[in-house]
C-alpha atoms as a PDB file:
ATOM      1  CA  UNK A   1     -52.491 237.636  32.573  1.00  0.00           C
ATOM      2  CA  UNK A   2     -49.929 235.336  30.982  1.00  0.00           C
ATOM      3  CA  UNK A   3     -49.354 231.723  31.965  1.00  0.00           C
ATOM      4  CA  UNK A   4     -45.908 232.639  33.280  1.00  0.00           C
ATOM      5  CA  UNK A   5     -47.332 235.400  35.447  1.00  0.00           C
ATOM      6  CA  UNK A   6     -50.010 233.093  36.815  1.00  0.00           C
ATOM      7  CA  UNK A   7     -47.517 230.337  37.671  1.00  0.00           C
ATOM      8  CA  UNK A   8     -45.130 232.823  39.281  1.00  0.00           C
ATOM      9  CA  UNK A   9     -48.015 234.215  41.331  1.00  0.00           C
ATOM     10  CA  UNK A  10     -48.903 230.690  42.518  1.00  0.00           C
ATOM     11  CA  UNK A  11     -45.266 229.979  43.391  1.00  0.00           C
ATOM     12  CA  UNK A  12     -45.040 233.174  45.427  1.00  0.00           C
ATOM     13  CA  UNK A  13     -48.327 232.392  47.216  1.00  0.00           C
ATOM     14  CA  UNK A  14     -47.259 228.852  48.076  1.00  0.00           C
ATOM     15  CA  UNK A  15     -43.857 230.071  49.227  1.00  0.00           C
ATOM     16  CA  UNK A  16     -45.447 232.633  51.553  1.00  0.00           C
ATOM     17  CA  UNK A  17     -47.895 230.015  52.826  1.00  0.00           C
ATOM     18  CA  UNK A  18     -45.091 227.506  53.442  1.00  0.00           C
ATOM     19  CA  UNK A  19     -43.107 230.118  55.341  1.00  0.00           C
ATOM     20  CA  UNK A  20     -46.116 231.019  57.498  1.00  0.00           C
ATOM     21  CA  UNK A  21     -46.898 227.380  58.207  1.00  0.00           C
ATOM     22  CA  UNK A  22     -43.302 226.513  59.068  1.00  0.00           C
ATOM     23  CA  UNK A  23     -43.151 229.492  61.415  1.00  0.00           C
ATOM     24  CA  UNK A  24     -46.424 228.404  62.994  1.00  0.00           C
ATOM     25  CA  UNK A  25     -45.271 224.805  63.305  1.00  0.00           C
ATOM     26  CA  UNK A  26     -41.943 225.934  64.715  1.00  0.00           C
ATOM     27  CA  UNK A  27     -43.534 228.179  67.295  1.00  0.00           C
ATOM     28  CA  UNK A  28     -46.190 225.644  68.278  1.00  0.00           C
ATOM     29  CA  UNK A  29     -43.923 222.618  68.385  1.00  0.00           C
ATOM     30  CA  UNK A  30     -40.652 224.254  69.384  1.00  0.00           C
ATOM     31  CA  UNK A  31     -41.808 226.359  72.306  1.00  0.00           C
ATOM     32  CA  UNK A  32     -43.852 223.586  73.876  1.00  0.00           C
ATOM     33  CA  UNK A  33     -40.974 221.136  73.516  1.00  0.00           C
ATOM     34  CA  UNK A  34     -38.491 223.560  75.009  1.00  0.00           C
ATOM     35  CA  UNK A  35     -40.883 224.402  77.836  1.00  0.00           C
ATOM     36  CA  UNK A  36     -41.364 220.763  78.815  1.00  0.00           C
ATOM     37  CA  UNK A  37     -37.719 220.027  78.311  1.00  0.00           C
ATOM     38  CA  UNK A  38     -36.389 222.841  80.495  1.00  0.00           C
ATOM     39  CA  UNK A  39     -38.503 224.211  83.265  1.00  0.00           C
ATOM     40  CA  UNK A  40     -42.114 223.097  83.098  1.00  0.00           C
ATOM     41  CA  UNK A  41     -43.422 222.154  86.568  1.00  0.00           C
ATOM     42  CA  UNK A  42     -45.035 219.009  85.116  1.00  0.00           C
ATOM     43  CA  UNK A  43     -41.587 217.910  84.026  1.00  0.00           C
ATOM     44  CA  UNK A  44     -40.314 217.958  87.616  1.00  0.00           C
ATOM     45  CA  UNK A  45     -43.235 215.897  89.001  1.00  0.00           C
ATOM     46  CA  UNK A  46     -42.793 213.055  86.480  1.00  0.00           C
ATOM     47  CA  UNK A  47     -39.095 212.249  86.702  1.00  0.00           C
ATOM     48  CA  UNK A  48     -39.386 208.529  86.056  1.00  0.00           C
ATOM     49  CA  UNK A  49     -37.236 206.912  83.370  1.00  0.00           C
ATOM     50  CA  UNK A  50     -40.345 206.036  81.377  1.00  0.00           C
ATOM     51  CA  UNK A  51     -41.480 209.654  81.365  1.00  0.00           C
ATOM     52  CA  UNK A  52     -38.014 210.840  80.319  1.00  0.00           C
ATOM     53  CA  UNK A  53     -37.871 208.328  77.475  1.00  0.00           C
ATOM     54  CA  UNK A  54     -41.375 209.250  76.359  1.00  0.00           C
ATOM     55  CA  UNK A  55     -40.455 212.932  76.470  1.00  0.00           C
ATOM     56  CA  UNK A  56     -37.291 212.281  74.416  1.00  0.00           C
ATOM     57  CA  UNK A  57     -39.267 210.292  71.836  1.00  0.00           C
ATOM     58  CA  UNK A  58     -41.889 213.072  71.624  1.00  0.00           C
ATOM     59  CA  UNK A  59     -39.174 215.691  71.113  1.00  0.00           C
ATOM     60  CA  UNK A  60     -37.563 213.602  68.373  1.00  0.00           C
ATOM     61  CA  UNK A  61     -40.939 213.019  66.679  1.00  0.00           C
ATOM     62  CA  UNK A  62     -41.679 216.751  66.718  1.00  0.00           C
ATOM     63  CA  UNK A  63     -38.295 217.507  65.142  1.00  0.00           C
ATOM     64  CA  UNK A  64     -38.781 214.802  62.514  1.00  0.00           C
ATOM     65  CA  UNK A  65     -42.260 216.109  61.730  1.00  0.00           C
ATOM     66  CA  UNK A  66     -40.873 219.588  61.178  1.00  0.00           C
ATOM     67  CA  UNK A  67     -38.147 218.230  58.889  1.00  0.00           C
ATOM     68  CA  UNK A  68     -40.714 216.266  56.886  1.00  0.00           C
ATOM     69  CA  UNK A  69     -42.867 219.358  56.410  1.00  0.00           C
ATOM     70  CA  UNK A  70     -39.860 221.449  55.392  1.00  0.00           C
ATOM     71  CA  UNK A  71     -38.796 218.778  52.901  1.00  0.00           C
ATOM     72  CA  UNK A  72     -42.313 218.580  51.464  1.00  0.00           C
ATOM     73  CA  UNK A  73     -42.492 222.355  51.021  1.00  0.00           C
ATOM     74  CA  UNK A  74     -39.101 222.388  49.324  1.00  0.00           C
ATOM     75  CA  UNK A  75     -40.236 219.575  47.011  1.00  0.00           C
ATOM     76  CA  UNK A  76     -43.422 221.495  46.178  1.00  0.00           C
ATOM     77  CA  UNK A  77     -41.435 224.616  45.455  1.00  0.00           C
ATOM     78  CA  UNK A  78     -39.021 222.700  43.217  1.00  0.00           C
ATOM     79  CA  UNK A  79     -41.913 221.023  41.391  1.00  0.00           C
ATOM     80  CA  UNK A  80     -43.643 224.364  40.806  1.00  0.00           C
ATOM     81  CA  UNK A  81     -40.403 225.822  39.479  1.00  0.00           C
ATOM     82  CA  UNK A  82     -40.072 222.865  37.100  1.00  0.00           C
ATOM     83  CA  UNK A  83     -43.662 223.350  35.870  1.00  0.00           C
ATOM     84  CA  UNK A  84     -42.990 227.065  35.404  1.00  0.00           C
ATOM     85  CA  UNK A  85     -39.908 226.333  33.297  1.00  0.00           C
ATOM     86  CA  UNK A  86     -41.774 223.744  31.184  1.00  0.00           C
ATOM     87  CA  UNK A  87     -44.687 226.117  30.597  1.00  0.00           C
ATOM     88  CA  UNK A  88     -42.326 228.932  29.635  1.00  0.00           C
ATOM     89  CA  UNK A  89     -40.426 226.657  27.256  1.00  0.00           C
ATOM     90  CA  UNK A  90     -43.595 225.320  25.628  1.00  0.00           C
ATOM     91  CA  UNK A  91     -45.147 228.761  25.345  1.00  0.00           C
ATOM     92  CA  UNK A  92     -41.979 230.183  23.834  1.00  0.00           C
ATOM     93  CA  UNK A  93     -41.925 227.372  21.242  1.00  0.00           C
ATOM     94  CA  UNK A  94     -45.547 228.077  20.277  1.00  0.00           C
ATOM     95  CA  UNK A  95     -44.873 231.800  19.990  1.00  0.00           C
ATOM     96  CA  UNK A  96     -41.860 231.160  17.742  1.00  0.00           C
ATOM     97  CA  UNK A  97     -43.869 228.782  15.533  1.00  0.00           C
ATOM     98  CA  UNK A  98     -46.704 231.326  15.289  1.00  0.00           C
ATOM     99  CA  UNK A  99     -44.266 234.095  14.378  1.00  0.00           C
ATOM    100  CA  UNK A 100     -42.741 231.967  11.608  1.00  0.00           C
ATOM    101  CA  UNK A 101     -46.222 231.121  10.266  1.00  0.00           C
ATOM    102  CA  UNK A 102     -47.228 234.789  10.244  1.00  0.00           C
ATOM    103  CA  UNK A 103     -44.018 235.724   8.407  1.00  0.00           C
ATOM    104  CA  UNK A 104     -44.635 232.995   5.823  1.00  0.00           C
ATOM    105  CA  UNK A 105     -48.223 234.198   5.342  1.00  0.00           C
ATOM    106  CA  UNK A 106     -47.009 237.759   4.894  1.00  0.00           C
ATOM    107  CA  UNK A 107     -44.458 236.667   2.282  1.00  0.00           C
ATOM    108  CA  UNK A 108     -47.093 234.626   0.427  1.00  0.00           C
ATOM    109  CA  UNK A 109     -49.503 237.570   0.478  1.00  0.00           C
ATOM    110  CA  UNK A 110     -46.821 239.898  -0.891  1.00  0.00           C
ATOM    111  CA  UNK A 111     -46.035 237.420  -3.678  1.00  0.00           C
ATOM    112  CA  UNK A 112     -49.734 237.168  -4.577  1.00  0.00           C
ATOM    113  CA  UNK A 113     -50.005 240.972  -4.718  1.00  0.00           C
ATOM    114  CA  UNK A 114     -46.975 241.158  -7.017  1.00  0.00           C
ATOM    115  CA  UNK A 115     -48.380 238.458  -9.289  1.00  0.00           C
ATOM    116  CA  UNK A 116     -51.774 240.186  -9.432  1.00  0.00           C
ATOM    117  CA  UNK A 117     -50.080 243.433 -10.369  1.00  0.00           C
ATOM    118  CA  UNK A 118     -48.110 241.678 -13.139  1.00  0.00           C
ATOM    119  CA  UNK A 119     -51.254 239.921 -14.349  1.00  0.00           C
ATOM    120  CA  UNK A 120     -53.153 243.209 -14.434  1.00  0.00           C
ATOM    121  CA  UNK A 121     -50.450 244.959 -16.425  1.00  0.00           C
ATOM    122  CA  UNK A 122     -50.182 241.963 -18.793  1.00  0.00           C
ATOM    123  CA  UNK A 123     -53.934 242.071 -19.426  1.00  0.00           C
ATOM    124  CA  UNK A 124     -53.783 245.803 -20.047  1.00  0.00           C
ATOM    125  CA  UNK A 125     -50.825 245.500 -22.424  1.00  0.00           C
ATOM    126  CA  UNK A 126     -52.361 242.634 -24.395  1.00  0.00           C
ATOM    127  CA  UNK A 127     -55.684 244.327 -24.931  1.00  0.00           C
ATOM    128  CA  UNK A 128     -57.588 241.415 -23.369  1.00  0.00           C
ATOM    129  CA  UNK A 129     -58.755 243.582 -20.508  1.00  0.00           C
ATOM    130  CA  UNK A 130     -61.329 245.184 -22.790  1.00  0.00           C
ATOM    131  CA  UNK A 131     -62.903 241.800 -23.485  1.00  0.00           C
ATOM    132  CA  UNK A 132     -63.418 240.923 -19.796  1.00  0.00           C
ATOM    133  CA  UNK A 133     -66.648 242.079 -18.143  1.00  0.00           C
ATOM    134  CA  UNK A 134     -66.072 244.096 -14.993  1.00  0.00           C
END
């Protein structure tokens, strides 16, 4: 598996996990807040100003907590995307450099083969080939 494929797989996994967790947090925090805010019997028995203020602060804290988690997941997703782009860019650069090196090696090899062929025909034409032990 390529580096790009691995990073994309991790991004998808984290995205699914973040979605699941935000849904879980939303259902856990949101439904309990709404229940105590609207029609919970405990809400009716504790109608003091202190209880109301405490309830309002708890609701606000729950909302802020959810926003913090959402922001953190978005930051993680953005960071993973940045890493993915950097890895792709670096990998692409290495592949291009390797391709150029292979092409240069191929050209050098072809030049050596041509020179060996010329050398062989020069030896044959000059008569020196008979003097060399094989």
